C-alpha cells in the first residue's frame, strides 16, 4: 500500500532534516516515492510504500514529529496518476 503523510510544518529546516534521518530508518520493505513541499514551506506531502500506516507513522514521528503536525492515510493507488496500482 501507499501511505500519504500530509504535514503542516512549524519548523521547515528541522522537518526536512528529520525526514532525511527518517529516510535512512525506513522499515524493511519500504520505499519513499515522493517528498514535496509547498513553495512557502508550510505544507508537505510524502508518499511512502509499506504494508503498515503505523510503521510509517512511527518512523516519521520519531524524526520529524516535533517539527510538524502530520496526518496519515492509505492512498487510493488504483485511482492515482503515477503510482503503481
PDB file of N, CA and C in Angstrom:
ATOM      1  N   UNK A   1       0.838  -1.174   0.000  1.00  0.00           N
ATOM      2  CA  UNK A   1       0.000   0.000   0.000  1.00  0.00           C
ATOM      3  C   UNK A   1       0.882   1.236   0.000  1.00  0.00           C
ATOM      4  N   UNK A   2       0.307   2.342  -0.406  1.00  0.00           N
ATOM      5  CA  UNK A   2       0.984   3.637  -0.335  1.00  0.00           C
ATOM      6  C   UNK A   2       0.385   4.433   0.818  1.00  0.00           C
ATOM      7  N   UNK A   3       1.260   5.009   1.623  1.00  0.00           N
ATOM      8  CA  UNK A   3       0.839   5.846   2.735  1.00  0.00           C
ATOM      9  C   UNK A   3       1.100   7.299   2.361  1.00  0.00           C
ATOM     10  N   UNK A   4       0.060   8.132   2.495  1.00  0.00           N
ATOM     11  CA  UNK A   4       0.211   9.576   2.302  1.00  0.00           C
ATOM     12  C   UNK A   4       0.432  10.183   3.680  1.00  0.00           C
ATOM     13  N   UNK A   5       1.501  10.935   3.817  1.00  0.00           N
ATOM     14  CA  UNK A   5       1.765  11.680   5.046  1.00  0.00           C
ATOM     15  C   UNK A   5       1.672  13.158   4.686  1.00  0.00           C
ATOM     16  N   UNK A   6       0.651  13.830   5.189  1.00  0.00           N
ATOM     17  CA  UNK A   6       0.396  15.229   4.863  1.00  0.00           C
ATOM     18  C   UNK A   6       0.699  16.056   6.104  1.00  0.00           C
ATOM     19  N   UNK A   7       1.690  16.939   5.986  1.00  0.00           N
ATOM     20  CA  UNK A   7       2.207  17.655   7.150  1.00  0.00           C
ATOM     21  C   UNK A   7       1.964  19.159   7.066  1.00  0.00           C
ATOM     22  N   UNK A   8       1.654  19.737   8.217  1.00  0.00           N
ATOM     23  CA  UNK A   8       1.658  21.179   8.409  1.00  0.00           C
ATOM     24  C   UNK A   8       2.917  21.464   9.230  1.00  0.00           C
ATOM     25  N   UNK A   9       3.845  22.177   8.623  1.00  0.00           N
ATOM     26  CA  UNK A   9       5.194  22.323   9.162  1.00  0.00           C
ATOM     27  C   UNK A   9       5.307  23.583  10.030  1.00  0.00           C
ATOM     28  N   UNK A  10       5.930  23.427  11.204  1.00  0.00           N
ATOM     29  CA  UNK A  10       6.182  24.564  12.086  1.00  0.00           C
ATOM     30  C   UNK A  10       7.656  24.985  12.071  1.00  0.00           C
ATOM     31  N   UNK A  11       8.548  24.071  11.695  1.00  0.00           N
ATOM     32  CA  UNK A  11       9.991  24.365  11.603  1.00  0.00           C
ATOM     33  C   UNK A  11      10.498  23.690  10.331  1.00  0.00           C
ATOM     34  N   UNK A  12      10.607  24.471   9.265  1.00  0.00           N
ATOM     35  CA  UNK A  12      10.954  23.942   7.945  1.00  0.00           C
ATOM     36  C   UNK A  12      12.283  23.178   7.958  1.00  0.00           C
ATOM     37  N   UNK A  13      13.314  23.784   8.457  1.00  0.00           N
ATOM     38  CA  UNK A  13      14.638  23.145   8.454  1.00  0.00           C
ATOM     39  C   UNK A  13      14.647  21.878   9.319  1.00  0.00           C
ATOM     40  N   UNK A  14      14.084  21.974  10.513  1.00  0.00           N
ATOM     41  CA  UNK A  14      14.030  20.815  11.389  1.00  0.00           C
ATOM     42  C   UNK A  14      13.248  19.668  10.776  1.00  0.00           C
ATOM     43  N   UNK A  15      12.136  19.991  10.116  1.00  0.00           N
ATOM     44  CA  UNK A  15      11.299  18.968   9.494  1.00  0.00           C
ATOM     45  C   UNK A  15      12.065  18.213   8.411  1.00  0.00           C
ATOM     46  N   UNK A  16      12.677  18.943   7.484  1.00  0.00           N
ATOM     47  CA  UNK A  16      13.359  18.278   6.376  1.00  0.00           C
ATOM     48  C   UNK A  16      14.623  17.570   6.840  1.00  0.00           C
ATOM     49  N   UNK A  17      15.324  18.106   7.817  1.00  0.00           N
ATOM     50  CA  UNK A  17      16.471  17.387   8.392  1.00  0.00           C
ATOM     51  C   UNK A  17      15.994  16.087   9.042  1.00  0.00           C
ATOM     52  N   UNK A  18      14.858  16.163   9.734  1.00  0.00           N
ATOM     53  CA  UNK A  18      14.288  14.968  10.353  1.00  0.00           C
ATOM     54  C   UNK A  18      13.860  13.933   9.332  1.00  0.00           C
ATOM     55  N   UNK A  19      13.265  14.388   8.226  1.00  0.00           N
ATOM     56  CA  UNK A  19      12.860  13.431   7.182  1.00  0.00           C
ATOM     57  C   UNK A  19      14.059  12.751   6.541  1.00  0.00           C
ATOM     58  N   UNK A  20      15.157  13.475   6.408  1.00  0.00           N
ATOM     59  CA  UNK A  20      16.377  12.848   5.874  1.00  0.00           C
ATOM     60  C   UNK A  20      16.842  11.727   6.794  1.00  0.00           C
ATOM     61  N   UNK A  21      16.762  11.941   8.105  1.00  0.00           N
ATOM     62  CA  UNK A  21      17.112  10.880   9.052  1.00  0.00           C
ATOM     63  C   UNK A  21      16.098   9.742   8.974  1.00  0.00           C
ATOM     64  N   UNK A  22      14.821  10.086   8.844  1.00  0.00           N
ATOM     65  CA  UNK A  22      13.772   9.067   8.745  1.00  0.00           C
ATOM     66  C   UNK A  22      13.977   8.191   7.513  1.00  0.00           C
ATOM     67  N   UNK A  23      14.408   8.802   6.412  1.00  0.00           N
ATOM     68  CA  UNK A  23      14.634   8.049   5.180  1.00  0.00           C
ATOM     69  C   UNK A  23      15.611   6.900   5.411  1.00  0.00           C
ATOM     70  N   UNK A  24      16.629   7.146   6.191  1.00  0.00           N
ATOM     71  CA  UNK A  24      17.616   6.108   6.493  1.00  0.00           C
ATOM     72  C   UNK A  24      17.130   5.066   7.480  1.00  0.00           C
ATOM     73  N   UNK A  25      15.976   5.302   8.101  1.00  0.00           N
ATOM     74  CA  UNK A  25      15.434   4.390   9.112  1.00  0.00           C
ATOM     75  C   UNK A  25      14.124   3.738   8.676  1.00  0.00           C
ATOM     76  N   UNK A  26      13.818   3.811   7.390  1.00  0.00           N
ATOM     77  CA  UNK A  26      12.556   3.236   6.914  1.00  0.00           C
ATOM     78  C   UNK A  26      12.455   1.760   7.273  1.00  0.00           C
ATOM     79  N   UNK A  27      11.252   1.301   7.604  1.00  0.00           N
ATOM     80  CA  UNK A  27      11.063  -0.125   7.872  1.00  0.00           C
ATOM     81  C   UNK A  27      11.440  -0.965   6.651  1.00  0.00           C
ATOM     82  N   UNK A  28      11.899  -2.174   6.897  1.00  0.00           N
ATOM     83  CA  UNK A  28      12.264  -3.101   5.818  1.00  0.00           C
ATOM     84  C   UNK A  28      11.095  -3.240   4.834  1.00  0.00           C
ATOM     85  N   UNK A  29      11.407  -3.160   3.558  1.00  0.00           N
ATOM     86  CA  UNK A  29      10.391  -3.298   2.519  1.00  0.00           C
ATOM     87  C   UNK A  29       9.712  -2.002   2.127  1.00  0.00           C
ATOM     88  N   UNK A  30      10.100  -0.903   2.748  1.00  0.00           N
ATOM     89  CA  UNK A  30       9.512   0.404   2.420  1.00  0.00           C
ATOM     90  C   UNK A  30      10.228   1.039   1.247  1.00  0.00           C
ATOM     91  N   UNK A  31       9.519   1.976   0.615  1.00  0.00           N
ATOM     92  CA  UNK A  31      10.131   2.778  -0.443  1.00  0.00           C
ATOM     93  C   UNK A  31       9.502   4.159  -0.408  1.00  0.00           C
ATOM     94  N   UNK A  32      10.353   5.172  -0.329  1.00  0.00           N
ATOM     95  CA  UNK A  32       9.882   6.563  -0.318  1.00  0.00           C
ATOM     96  C   UNK A  32       9.704   6.978  -1.769  1.00  0.00           C
ATOM     97  N   UNK A  33       8.479   7.220  -2.172  1.00  0.00           N
ATOM     98  CA  UNK A  33       8.152   7.513  -3.554  1.00  0.00           C
ATOM     99  C   UNK A  33       8.202   9.000  -3.868  1.00  0.00           C
ATOM    100  N   UNK A  34       7.782   9.838  -2.918  1.00  0.00           N
ATOM    101  CA  UNK A  34       7.658  11.269  -3.172  1.00  0.00           C
ATOM    102  C   UNK A  34       7.798  12.043  -1.870  1.00  0.00           C
ATOM    103  N   UNK A  35       8.506  13.162  -1.945  1.00  0.00           N
ATOM    104  CA  UNK A  35       8.559  14.141  -0.855  1.00  0.00           C
ATOM    105  C   UNK A  35       8.526  15.508  -1.514  1.00  0.00           C
ATOM    106  N   UNK A  36       7.488  16.294  -1.223  1.00  0.00           N
ATOM    107  CA  UNK A  36       7.342  17.600  -1.863  1.00  0.00           C
ATOM    108  C   UNK A  36       6.746  18.583  -0.863  1.00  0.00           C
ATOM    109  N   UNK A  37       7.202  19.837  -0.966  1.00  0.00           N
ATOM    110  CA  UNK A  37       6.710  20.889  -0.078  1.00  0.00           C
ATOM    111  C   UNK A  37       6.036  21.984  -0.886  1.00  0.00           C
ATOM    112  N   UNK A  38       5.174  22.734  -0.225  1.00  0.00           N
ATOM    113  CA  UNK A  38       4.607  23.931  -0.836  1.00  0.00           C
ATOM    114  C   UNK A  38       5.703  24.989  -0.921  1.00  0.00           C
ATOM    115  N   UNK A  39       5.530  25.953  -1.807  1.00  0.00           N
ATOM    116  CA  UNK A  39       6.571  26.964  -2.007  1.00  0.00           C
ATOM    117  C   UNK A  39       6.814  27.806  -0.761  1.00  0.00           C
ATOM    118  N   UNK A  40       5.819  27.935   0.108  1.00  0.00           N
ATOM    119  CA  UNK A  40       6.020  28.711   1.335  1.00  0.00           C
ATOM    120  C   UNK A  40       6.586  27.874   2.477  1.00  0.00           C
ATOM    121  N   UNK A  41       6.762  26.569   2.255  1.00  0.00           N
ATOM    122  CA  UNK A  41       7.344  25.687   3.270  1.00  0.00           C
ATOM    123  C   UNK A  41       6.398  25.295   4.388  1.00  0.00           C
ATOM    124  N   UNK A  42       5.140  25.656   4.280  1.00  0.00           N
ATOM    125  CA  UNK A  42       4.194  25.390   5.360  1.00  0.00           C
ATOM    126  C   UNK A  42       3.559  23.998   5.294  1.00  0.00           C
ATOM    127  N   UNK A  43       3.545  23.391   4.122  1.00  0.00           N
ATOM    128  CA  UNK A  43       2.909  22.078   3.938  1.00  0.00           C
ATOM    129  C   UNK A  43       3.855  21.142   3.208  1.00  0.00           C
ATOM    130  N   UNK A  44       3.685  19.846   3.455  1.00  0.00           N
ATOM    131  CA  UNK A  44       4.458  18.827   2.746  1.00  0.00           C
ATOM    132  C   UNK A  44       3.582  17.602   2.539  1.00  0.00           C
ATOM    133  N   UNK A  45       3.832  16.911   1.441  1.00  0.00           N
ATOM    134  CA  UNK A  45       3.186  15.639   1.155  1.00  0.00           C
ATOM    135  C   UNK A  45       4.287  14.628   0.879  1.00  0.00           C
ATOM    136  N   UNK A  46       4.216  13.514   1.580  1.00  0.00           N
ATOM    137  CA  UNK A  46       5.151  12.421   1.371  1.00  0.00           C
ATOM    138  C   UNK A  46       4.345  11.173   1.061  1.00  0.00           C
ATOM    139  N   UNK A  47       4.832  10.402   0.097  1.00  0.00           N
ATOM    140  CA  UNK A  47       4.211   9.131  -0.262  1.00  0.00           C
ATOM    141  C   UNK A  47       5.247   8.046  -0.023  1.00  0.00           C
ATOM    142  N   UNK A  48       4.888   7.095   0.834  1.00  0.00           N
ATOM    143  CA  UNK A  48       5.796   6.023   1.207  1.00  0.00           C
ATOM    144  C   UNK A  48       5.055   4.702   1.037  1.00  0.00           C
ATOM    145  N   UNK A  49       5.665   3.752   0.341  1.00  0.00           N
ATOM    146  CA  UNK A  49       5.023   2.446   0.213  1.00  0.00           C
ATOM    147  C   UNK A  49       5.491   1.549   1.364  1.00  0.00           C
ATOM    148  N   UNK A  50       4.520   0.944   2.008  1.00  0.00           N
ATOM    149  CA  UNK A  50       4.780  -0.006   3.094  1.00  0.00           C
ATOM    150  C   UNK A  50       3.456  -0.673   3.443  1.00  0.00           C
ATOM    151  N   UNK A  51       3.525  -1.789   4.113  1.00  0.00           N
ATOM    152  CA  UNK A  51       2.313  -2.544   4.443  1.00  0.00           C
ATOM    153  C   UNK A  51       1.582  -2.011   5.683  1.00  0.00           C
ATOM    154  N   UNK A  52       2.180  -1.022   6.371  1.00  0.00           N
ATOM    155  CA  UNK A  52       1.589  -0.557   7.612  1.00  0.00           C
ATOM    156  C   UNK A  52       1.664   0.969   7.749  1.00  0.00           C
ATOM    157  N   UNK A  53       0.502   1.590   7.910  1.00  0.00           N
ATOM    158  CA  UNK A  53       0.467   3.023   8.184  1.00  0.00           C
ATOM    159  C   UNK A  53       1.158   3.302   9.522  1.00  0.00           C
ATOM    160  N   UNK A  54       0.926   2.439  10.505  1.00  0.00           N
ATOM    161  CA  UNK A  54       1.512   2.655  11.827  1.00  0.00           C
ATOM    162  C   UNK A  54       3.031   2.631  11.803  1.00  0.00           C
ATOM    163  N   UNK A  55       3.629   1.768  10.987  1.00  0.00           N
ATOM    164  CA  UNK A  55       5.088   1.711  10.889  1.00  0.00           C
ATOM    165  C   UNK A  55       5.635   2.978  10.242  1.00  0.00           C
ATOM    166  N   UNK A  56       4.962   3.477   9.222  1.00  0.00           N
ATOM    167  CA  UNK A  56       5.377   4.730   8.579  1.00  0.00           C
ATOM    168  C   UNK A  56       5.226   5.870   9.569  1.00  0.00           C
ATOM    169  N   UNK A  57       4.106   5.927  10.260  1.00  0.00           N
ATOM    170  CA  UNK A  57       3.874   6.971  11.254  1.00  0.00           C
ATOM    171  C   UNK A  57       4.978   6.964  12.311  1.00  0.00           C
ATOM    172  N   UNK A  58       5.342   5.802  12.792  1.00  0.00           N
ATOM    173  CA  UNK A  58       6.349   5.704  13.849  1.00  0.00           C
ATOM    174  C   UNK A  58       7.684   6.297  13.425  1.00  0.00           C
ATOM    175  N   UNK A  59       8.150   5.977  12.231  1.00  0.00           N
ATOM    176  CA  UNK A  59       9.457   6.477  11.808  1.00  0.00           C
ATOM    177  C   UNK A  59       9.423   7.964  11.489  1.00  0.00           C
ATOM    178  N   UNK A  60       8.363   8.448  10.868  1.00  0.00           N
ATOM    179  CA  UNK A  60       8.264   9.880  10.558  1.00  0.00           C
ATOM    180  C   UNK A  60       8.136  10.678  11.850  1.00  0.00           C
ATOM    181  N   UNK A  61       7.276  10.244  12.756  1.00  0.00           N
ATOM    182  CA  UNK A  61       7.075  10.972  14.002  1.00  0.00           C
ATOM    183  C   UNK A  61       8.340  10.987  14.862  1.00  0.00           C
ATOM    184  N   UNK A  62       9.066   9.885  14.867  1.00  0.00           N
ATOM    185  CA  UNK A  62      10.298   9.827  15.659  1.00  0.00           C
ATOM    186  C   UNK A  62      11.296  10.902  15.232  1.00  0.00           C
ATOM    187  N   UNK A  63      11.423  11.120  13.945  1.00  0.00           N
ATOM    188  CA  UNK A  63      12.461  12.012  13.434  1.00  0.00           C
ATOM    189  C   UNK A  63      11.975  13.420  13.089  1.00  0.00           C
ATOM    190  N   UNK A  64      10.717  13.576  12.736  1.00  0.00           N
ATOM    191  CA  UNK A  64      10.238  14.889  12.289  1.00  0.00           C
ATOM    192  C   UNK A  64       8.980  15.352  13.018  1.00  0.00           C
ATOM    193  N   UNK A  65       8.469  14.551  13.924  1.00  0.00           N
ATOM    194  CA  UNK A  65       7.198  14.842  14.579  1.00  0.00           C
ATOM    195  C   UNK A  65       7.145  16.137  15.355  1.00  0.00           C
ATOM    196  N   UNK A  66       8.247  16.529  15.952  1.00  0.00           N
ATOM    197  CA  UNK A  66       8.210  17.766  16.748  1.00  0.00           C
ATOM    198  C   UNK A  66       8.247  19.023  15.883  1.00  0.00           C
ATOM    199  N   UNK A  67       8.441  18.856  14.576  1.00  0.00           N
ATOM    200  CA  UNK A  67       8.541  19.988  13.662  1.00  0.00           C
ATOM    201  C   UNK A  67       7.300  20.166  12.781  1.00  0.00           C
ATOM    202  N   UNK A  68       6.297  19.299  12.971  1.00  0.00           N
ATOM    203  CA  UNK A  68       5.102  19.364  12.127  1.00  0.00           C
ATOM    204  C   UNK A  68       3.978  18.555  12.755  1.00  0.00           C
ATOM    205  N   UNK A  69       2.770  18.847  12.316  1.00  0.00           N
ATOM    206  CA  UNK A  69       1.615  18.013  12.621  1.00  0.00           C
ATOM    207  C   UNK A  69       1.292  17.256  11.341  1.00  0.00           C
ATOM    208  N   UNK A  70       1.286  15.928  11.423  1.00  0.00           N
ATOM    209  CA  UNK A  70       1.141  15.117  10.222  1.00  0.00           C
ATOM    210  C   UNK A  70      -0.050  14.181  10.342  1.00  0.00           C
ATOM    211  N   UNK A  71      -0.807  14.090   9.256  1.00  0.00           N
ATOM    212  CA  UNK A  71      -1.919  13.157   9.146  1.00  0.00           C
ATOM    213  C   UNK A  71      -1.496  12.050   8.180  1.00  0.00           C
ATOM    214  N   UNK A  72      -1.937  10.827   8.445  1.00  0.00           N
ATOM    215  CA  UNK A  72      -1.534   9.658   7.659  1.00  0.00           C
ATOM    216  C   UNK A  72      -2.770   8.972   7.097  1.00  0.00           C
ATOM    217  N   UNK A  73      -2.709   8.638   5.808  1.00  0.00           N
ATOM    218  CA  UNK A  73      -3.829   7.999   5.116  1.00  0.00           C
ATOM    219  C   UNK A  73      -3.299   6.934   4.166  1.00  0.00           C
ATOM    220  N   UNK A  74      -4.118   5.918   3.922  1.00  0.00           N
ATOM    221  CA  UNK A  74      -3.810   4.984   2.842  1.00  0.00           C
ATOM    222  C   UNK A  74      -4.232   5.646   1.542  1.00  0.00           C
ATOM    223  N   UNK A  75      -3.319   5.692   0.581  1.00  0.00           N
ATOM    224  CA  UNK A  75      -3.603   6.304  -0.724  1.00  0.00           C
ATOM    225  C   UNK A  75      -4.424   5.354  -1.584  1.00  0.00           C
ATOM    226  N   UNK A  76      -5.256   5.914  -2.414  1.00  0.00           N
ATOM    227  CA  UNK A  76      -6.048   5.163  -3.383  1.00  0.00           C
ATOM    228  C   UNK A  76      -5.202   5.019  -4.648  1.00  0.00           C
ATOM    229  N   UNK A  77      -4.264   4.084  -4.613  1.00  0.00           N
ATOM    230  CA  UNK A  77      -3.310   3.910  -5.710  1.00  0.00           C
ATOM    231  C   UNK A  77      -3.983   3.534  -7.020  1.00  0.00           C
ATOM    232  N   UNK A  78      -5.096   2.819  -6.960  1.00  0.00           N
ATOM    233  CA  UNK A  78      -5.777   2.400  -8.186  1.00  0.00           C
ATOM    234  C   UNK A  78      -6.304   3.590  -8.980  1.00  0.00           C
ATOM    235  N   UNK A  79      -6.593   4.701  -8.310  1.00  0.00           N
ATOM    236  CA  UNK A  79      -7.126   5.877  -8.981  1.00  0.00           C
ATOM    237  C   UNK A  79      -6.126   7.024  -9.019  1.00  0.00           C
ATOM    238  N   UNK A  80      -4.874   6.737  -8.687  1.00  0.00           N
ATOM    239  CA  UNK A  80      -3.830   7.769  -8.697  1.00  0.00           C
ATOM    240  C   UNK A  80      -3.154   7.817 -10.061  1.00  0.00           C
ATOM    241  N   UNK A  81      -2.539   8.935 -10.346  1.00  0.00           N
ATOM    242  CA  UNK A  81      -1.737   9.081 -11.541  1.00  0.00           C
ATOM    243  C   UNK A  81      -0.268   8.998 -11.126  1.00  0.00           C
ATOM    244  N   UNK A  82       0.460   8.065 -11.701  1.00  0.00           N
ATOM    245  CA  UNK A  82       1.880   7.950 -11.409  1.00  0.00           C
ATOM    246  C   UNK A  82       2.275   6.951 -10.333  1.00  0.00           C
ATOM    247  N   UNK A  83       1.322   6.345  -9.666  1.00  0.00           N
ATOM    248  CA  UNK A  83       1.637   5.310  -8.680  1.00  0.00           C
ATOM    249  C   UNK A  83       1.266   3.947  -9.253  1.00  0.00           C
ATOM    250  N   UNK A  84       2.102   2.983  -8.974  1.00  0.00           N
ATOM    251  CA  UNK A  84       1.779   1.622  -9.411  1.00  0.00           C
ATOM    252  C   UNK A  84       0.571   1.135  -8.618  1.00  0.00           C
ATOM    253  N   UNK A  85      -0.449   0.663  -9.299  1.00  0.00           N
ATOM    254  CA  UNK A  85      -1.688   0.232  -8.654  1.00  0.00           C
ATOM    255  C   UNK A  85      -1.517  -1.071  -8.020  1.00  0.00           C
TER     256      UNK A  85
END
